[in-house]
Amino acid sequence: MVHLLVRHRVEDFEAWKAVFDDHMGMRKRFTEQSHRLFRSVGDPNELTLLFEFDDADRAREFVESEDLRLKMKEAGVEGRPEFSFLDHEETLETRRSPEAV
């Protein structure tokens, strides 16, 4: 299991989201299991996405794919996106932890 953190700005969120949603089948073929989408508080067209993939090699292939490059262009991604591959270390929900009082 590997996580992929992606940051980029888009011209128009709604237009980007339609292309992103349409691209789900391709992401699943590269072993995406889930994703979380965040929008900047100060700029709703500044996006951060956190994906979970089953296979690190397939996640790298996804990032390097021509299809992804073309879809990002079609979706209105501005500039060069940032990609970071992450291994999950820990999750702690402090609202449920008695030690976090």
Foldseek 3Di string as FASTA:
>chain_A
DKKKKKKFFFPDVVLLVVLVVVCVVVVVVLAWDDKDWDADPVGRRIIMMMTDGPDPVSVVCVVVDPVVVVSCVSSGTDDDMDMDMGDDDDDDDLVPDPVND
